[in-house]
Protein backbone atom coordinates (compact mmCIF):
# COMPACT_ATOMS: atom_id res chain seq x y z
CA MET A 1 -4.09 10.62 72.64
CA ALA A 2 -7.62 10.04 73.68
CA ALA A 3 -9.37 7.10 71.97
CA ARG A 4 -12.00 8.13 69.47
CA ALA A 5 -15.50 6.96 70.37
CA PRO A 6 -16.87 4.63 67.70
CA ALA A 7 -19.45 6.09 65.40
CA ALA A 8 -22.96 4.82 65.59
CA ASP A 9 -22.59 2.93 62.34
CA GLU A 10 -19.40 1.29 63.67
CA ASP A 11 -21.01 -0.08 66.84
CA PRO A 12 -19.81 -3.73 67.11
CA ALA A 13 -23.08 -4.73 68.68
CA ALA A 14 -24.84 -3.62 65.52
CA HIS A 15 -23.09 -6.39 63.62
CA GLU A 16 -24.09 -8.98 66.19
CA ARG A 17 -27.80 -8.23 66.24
CA PRO A 18 -29.75 -10.23 63.64
CA ALA A 19 -31.88 -8.35 61.21
CA PRO A 20 -35.55 -8.27 62.19
CA GLY A 21 -37.09 -11.58 61.23
CA GLY A 22 -33.76 -12.87 59.85
CA GLN A 23 -32.82 -15.76 62.14
CA ALA A 24 -36.39 -16.31 63.27
CA GLY A 25 -37.50 -16.67 59.68
CA ALA A 26 -34.75 -19.18 58.92
CA ASP A 27 -35.85 -21.30 61.87
CA ALA A 28 -39.54 -20.92 61.08
CA VAL A 29 -39.32 -22.63 57.69
CA PRO A 30 -37.94 -25.98 58.96
CA ALA A 31 -40.29 -25.79 61.96
CA GLY A 32 -43.24 -25.31 59.62
CA GLU A 33 -42.12 -28.19 57.43
CA ALA A 34 -41.72 -30.45 60.44
CA ARG A 35 -45.20 -29.55 61.69
CA ARG A 36 -46.79 -30.22 58.30
CA GLU A 37 -44.95 -33.52 57.97
CA LEU A 38 -46.03 -34.58 61.45
CA ILE A 39 -49.67 -33.80 60.65
CA ALA A 40 -49.42 -35.66 57.34
CA ARG A 41 -47.94 -38.73 59.00
CA ALA A 42 -50.48 -38.68 61.80
CA VAL A 43 -53.52 -38.35 59.55
CA ALA A 44 -52.76 -39.88 56.15
CA ILE A 45 -52.85 -43.63 56.79
CA PRO A 46 -55.72 -43.73 59.33
CA ALA A 47 -57.80 -41.47 57.07
CA ALA A 48 -56.96 -43.53 53.98
CA LEU A 49 -57.94 -46.79 55.72
CA ALA A 50 -61.18 -45.34 57.06
CA GLY A 51 -62.11 -43.94 53.67
CA ALA A 52 -61.15 -47.19 51.92
CA ALA A 53 -63.36 -49.20 54.29
CA VAL A 54 -66.35 -47.12 53.21
CA ILE A 55 -65.48 -47.19 49.52
CA VAL A 56 -65.00 -50.96 49.19
CA HIS A 57 -68.45 -51.47 50.73
CA ALA A 58 -70.20 -48.82 48.64
CA VAL A 59 -68.34 -48.95 45.31
CA PRO A 60 -67.70 -52.50 44.01
CA GLY A 61 -66.12 -50.98 40.90
CA VAL A 62 -63.09 -50.02 42.99
CA ARG A 63 -61.75 -53.49 42.23
CA ILE A 64 -60.66 -52.16 38.86
CA LEU A 65 -57.87 -50.56 40.91
CA THR A 66 -57.32 -53.10 43.66
CA MET A 67 -57.23 -55.94 41.13
CA TRP A 68 -53.78 -54.78 39.99
CA VAL A 69 -52.37 -55.11 43.49
CA HIS A 70 -53.98 -58.55 43.81
CA GLU A 71 -52.48 -59.74 40.51
CA ALA A 72 -49.10 -58.26 41.40
CA GLY A 73 -49.25 -60.37 44.57
CA HIS A 74 -49.69 -63.52 42.46
CA ALA A 75 -46.80 -62.54 40.20
CA ILE A 76 -44.37 -61.67 43.00
CA ALA A 77 -45.18 -64.91 44.82
CA ALA A 78 -44.53 -66.80 41.58
CA TRP A 79 -41.17 -65.08 41.02
CA LEU A 80 -40.08 -65.84 44.57
CA CYS A 81 -41.00 -69.49 44.02
CA GLY A 82 -39.10 -69.65 40.72
CA PHE A 83 -42.00 -69.48 38.25
CA MET A 84 -42.20 -67.08 35.33
CA ALA A 85 -45.33 -64.94 35.68
CA VAL A 86 -46.94 -62.02 33.89
CA PRO A 87 -49.63 -60.08 35.78
CA GLY A 88 -52.55 -58.79 33.75
CA PRO A 89 -56.11 -57.53 34.22
CA TRP A 90 -57.99 -60.06 36.37
CA LEU A 91 -55.51 -62.83 35.48
CA THR A 92 -51.83 -63.61 36.06
CA VAL A 93 -50.27 -66.07 33.63
CA VAL A 94 -47.89 -68.40 35.52
CA SER A 95 -45.60 -70.93 33.86
CA PRO A 96 -46.31 -74.56 34.80
CA GLU A 97 -42.66 -75.28 35.61
CA ARG A 98 -39.97 -73.51 37.56
CA SER A 99 -37.23 -71.54 35.82
CA PRO A 100 -33.78 -71.85 37.45
CA ALA A 101 -32.55 -68.93 35.34
CA LEU A 102 -35.24 -66.68 36.79
CA SER A 103 -34.28 -67.64 40.35
CA VAL A 104 -30.60 -66.91 39.67
CA LEU A 105 -31.40 -63.53 38.09
CA LEU A 106 -33.76 -62.52 40.89
CA GLY A 107 -31.34 -63.64 43.60
CA GLY A 108 -28.48 -61.81 41.91
CA ALA A 109 -30.56 -58.65 41.63
CA LEU A 110 -31.43 -58.80 45.34
CA VAL A 111 -27.79 -59.29 46.35
CA ALA A 112 -26.68 -56.44 44.08
CA GLY A 113 -29.44 -54.23 45.43
CA ALA A 114 -28.44 -54.97 49.02
CA TYR A 115 -24.81 -54.09 48.21
CA GLN A 116 -25.73 -50.79 46.56
CA ALA A 117 -28.02 -49.91 49.46
CA TRP A 118 -25.20 -50.69 51.90
CA ARG A 119 -22.81 -48.44 49.96
CA HIS A 120 -25.25 -45.53 50.26
CA GLY A 121 -26.19 -46.22 53.88
CA ARG A 122 -29.81 -47.08 53.09
CA TRP A 123 -30.26 -49.62 55.89
CA PHE A 124 -33.98 -50.08 55.37
CA TRP A 125 -33.35 -51.29 51.82
CA VAL A 126 -30.43 -53.45 52.94
CA ALA A 127 -32.73 -55.22 55.40
CA SER A 128 -35.56 -55.48 52.85
CA ALA A 129 -33.28 -57.04 50.22
CA ILE A 130 -31.84 -59.53 52.72
CA VAL A 131 -35.27 -60.58 53.98
CA THR A 132 -36.61 -60.95 50.43
CA PHE A 133 -33.55 -62.98 49.40
CA ALA A 134 -34.00 -65.29 52.40
CA LEU A 135 -37.69 -65.68 51.51
CA GLN A 136 -36.75 -66.53 47.93
CA LEU A 137 -34.35 -69.23 49.11
CA VAL A 138 -37.08 -70.81 51.22
CA CYS A 139 -39.66 -70.65 48.43
CA THR A 140 -37.36 -72.09 45.76
CA LEU A 141 -35.31 -74.61 47.75
CA ARG A 142 -37.65 -75.76 50.52
CA LEU A 143 -41.05 -75.91 48.85
CA TYR A 144 -42.14 -78.71 46.59
CA GLU A 145 -43.72 -77.63 43.33
CA ASP A 146 -47.24 -78.35 44.57
CA GLN A 147 -46.60 -76.32 47.74
CA ALA A 148 -45.14 -73.50 45.67
CA GLN A 149 -48.22 -73.43 43.44
CA ALA A 150 -50.36 -73.07 46.56
CA VAL A 151 -48.21 -70.11 47.67
CA VAL A 152 -48.68 -68.49 44.24
CA THR A 153 -52.46 -68.87 44.51
CA PHE A 154 -52.45 -67.65 48.12
CA GLY A 155 -50.35 -64.69 47.01
CA GLY A 156 -53.36 -62.91 45.52
CA ASP A 157 -55.26 -61.70 48.57
CA ALA A 158 -52.24 -62.25 50.83
CA GLY A 159 -50.32 -60.04 48.44
CA SER A 160 -53.04 -57.41 48.71
CA PHE A 161 -52.31 -57.24 52.43
CA VAL A 162 -48.52 -57.23 52.05
CA LEU A 163 -48.29 -54.89 49.07
CA GLY A 164 -51.05 -52.71 50.48
CA ALA A 165 -48.99 -52.20 53.63
CA VAL A 166 -45.86 -51.54 51.56
CA LEU A 167 -47.66 -48.94 49.46
CA MET A 168 -48.98 -47.19 52.57
CA ALA A 169 -45.49 -47.22 54.08
CA SER A 170 -44.36 -44.98 51.22
CA MET A 171 -45.66 -42.18 53.47
CA TYR A 172 -42.34 -42.47 55.32
CA ALA A 173 -40.09 -42.02 52.28
CA ARG A 174 -37.10 -39.75 52.86
CA LYS A 175 -37.39 -36.11 51.86
CA ASP A 176 -35.37 -36.37 48.62
CA HIS A 177 -36.99 -39.61 47.41
CA PRO A 178 -38.90 -39.17 44.10
CA VAL A 179 -41.99 -40.78 45.63
CA ARG A 180 -42.14 -37.97 48.18
CA ALA A 181 -40.62 -35.15 46.12
CA ASN A 182 -43.19 -35.70 43.35
CA HIS A 183 -46.10 -36.20 45.80
CA LEU A 184 -46.64 -39.77 44.54
CA ARG A 185 -46.81 -41.11 48.06
CA TRP A 186 -50.35 -39.78 48.42
CA VAL A 187 -51.50 -41.84 45.44
CA LEU A 188 -49.69 -44.92 46.73
CA VAL A 189 -51.16 -44.57 50.22
CA VAL A 190 -54.68 -44.41 48.83
CA LEU A 191 -54.11 -47.38 46.49
CA GLY A 192 -52.53 -49.41 49.29
CA ALA A 193 -55.40 -48.67 51.67
CA LEU A 194 -57.98 -49.66 49.06
CA ALA A 195 -56.18 -52.94 48.30
CA PHE A 196 -55.76 -53.77 51.98
CA MET A 197 -59.37 -53.03 52.91
CA ASP A 198 -60.76 -54.78 49.84
CA ALA A 199 -59.00 -58.01 50.82
CA ARG A 200 -60.00 -57.48 54.43
CA HIS A 201 -63.64 -57.18 53.38
CA THR A 202 -63.35 -60.64 51.81
CA TRP A 203 -61.82 -62.42 54.80
CA TRP A 204 -63.70 -60.63 57.60
CA GLY A 205 -67.04 -60.42 55.80
CA GLY A 206 -68.32 -63.91 56.54
CA VAL A 207 -68.44 -67.06 54.44
CA ASP A 208 -70.71 -65.46 51.84
CA SER A 209 -68.05 -62.89 51.00
CA ILE A 210 -65.42 -65.52 50.11
CA PRO A 211 -65.40 -65.94 46.31
CA PHE A 212 -65.80 -69.69 45.84
CA GLY A 213 -66.77 -70.91 42.38
CA GLU A 214 -65.73 -70.67 38.75
CA ASP A 215 -66.02 -68.18 35.91
CA ASP A 216 -64.67 -67.87 32.38
CA ARG A 217 -61.13 -67.56 33.79
CA GLY A 218 -61.43 -70.80 35.76
CA LEU A 219 -61.69 -71.56 39.46
CA SER A 220 -61.35 -68.75 41.96
CA ASP A 221 -58.30 -68.62 44.21
CA ALA A 222 -60.29 -69.83 47.21
CA SER A 223 -61.68 -72.77 45.22
CA LYS A 224 -58.21 -73.71 43.93
CA LEU A 225 -56.79 -73.74 47.43
CA ALA A 226 -59.73 -75.80 48.70
CA GLU A 227 -59.97 -78.28 45.82
CA TYR A 228 -56.38 -78.63 44.59
CA HIS A 229 -54.47 -78.11 47.83
CA ASN A 230 -57.00 -79.35 50.40
CA TRP A 231 -57.18 -76.16 52.44
CA THR A 232 -60.22 -76.20 54.69
CA LEU A 233 -62.44 -73.15 55.09
CA ASP A 234 -61.06 -72.54 58.58
CA LEU A 235 -57.50 -72.77 57.27
CA LEU A 236 -58.23 -70.36 54.44
CA ILE A 237 -59.65 -67.78 56.80
CA GLU A 238 -56.96 -68.27 59.45
CA ARG A 239 -54.03 -67.90 57.05
CA HIS A 240 -55.38 -64.83 55.30
CA ARG A 241 -56.22 -63.18 58.61
CA THR A 242 -52.78 -64.02 60.00
CA VAL A 243 -51.05 -62.30 57.09
CA ALA A 244 -53.35 -59.29 57.45
CA THR A 245 -52.69 -59.03 61.19
CA LEU A 246 -48.91 -59.27 60.74
CA CYS A 247 -48.95 -56.60 58.04
CA ALA A 248 -51.12 -54.32 60.17
CA GLY A 249 -48.74 -54.81 63.09
CA VAL A 250 -45.67 -53.92 61.03
CA LEU A 251 -47.46 -50.90 59.59
CA GLY A 252 -48.46 -49.85 63.09
CA VAL A 253 -44.83 -49.94 64.22
CA ALA A 254 -43.83 -47.90 61.15
CA TYR A 255 -46.59 -45.41 61.99
CA VAL A 256 -45.30 -44.84 65.52
CA VAL A 257 -41.67 -44.59 64.39
CA GLY A 258 -42.74 -42.25 61.61
CA LEU A 259 -44.34 -39.88 64.11
CA PHE A 260 -41.20 -39.74 66.25
CA THR A 261 -38.94 -39.13 63.22
CA ALA A 262 -41.17 -36.65 61.41
CA SER A 263 -39.03 -33.61 62.31
CA ASP A 264 -35.79 -35.29 61.23
CA ALA A 265 -37.34 -36.54 57.99
CA SER A 266 -38.60 -33.06 57.07
CA GLY A 267 -35.32 -31.34 57.72
CA SER A 268 -32.56 -33.82 56.85
CA ASP A 269 -32.31 -35.93 53.75
CA GLU A 270 -29.90 -38.29 55.51
CA ALA A 271 -32.10 -38.86 58.55
CA SER A 272 -33.98 -41.73 56.95
CA GLY A 273 -32.62 -44.74 55.09
CA VAL A 274 -35.84 -45.31 53.18
């Protein structure tokens, strides 16, 4: 018996051909996301820093925002050194004596955080927790109380550099992270850039820009470091600039890595450990 020729609607090739725009459309969405993410990562931080440099010169009132990053720097430095601290507007209240209980709680939280991050394969957070824990050990066990108090005071503008860089690095959060999913990273990048450039304006703006003196809250940070801890003007400038340069270098490395991983980060939630 002769074989019956397949009907047109039974042509096997018809089942193999994708519908017009079907497969191409599926590929176009991730490609579009990757392109948008690459552009965002290439432009966001340089544009935020350039804009912040203009704003801190032209709008002194921006310190209402950057002040919170500055005070958070004081508080975090105090916690790492074992002092209770509460950051507030224009002033961080720091206990005069160390609290062993605080150091134990903070150290335990960092160890627990590193373990949870390891369980979920978040290697960036594992490394961050380990580095912070090591820093806490140095600050609490190796520094005398007077040295620790100097670190707390230094932590204001130095913290603006460190925390500013951290806030800007939120641009590289993984796709499913709330900071990125809720578009909060744009706010954090702007705030981080403002804090970083505000502190930079102080320590690259000449001697007249350094806030020596006293007001109703007491001596300024620069005056405390100079008068209580015998830091010379050259040492003040050198140490602040060193922290700023290190933070800028780390952020620069993150920027380059972020560009190379933009396509993975836009398409795969597991591509990034952040």
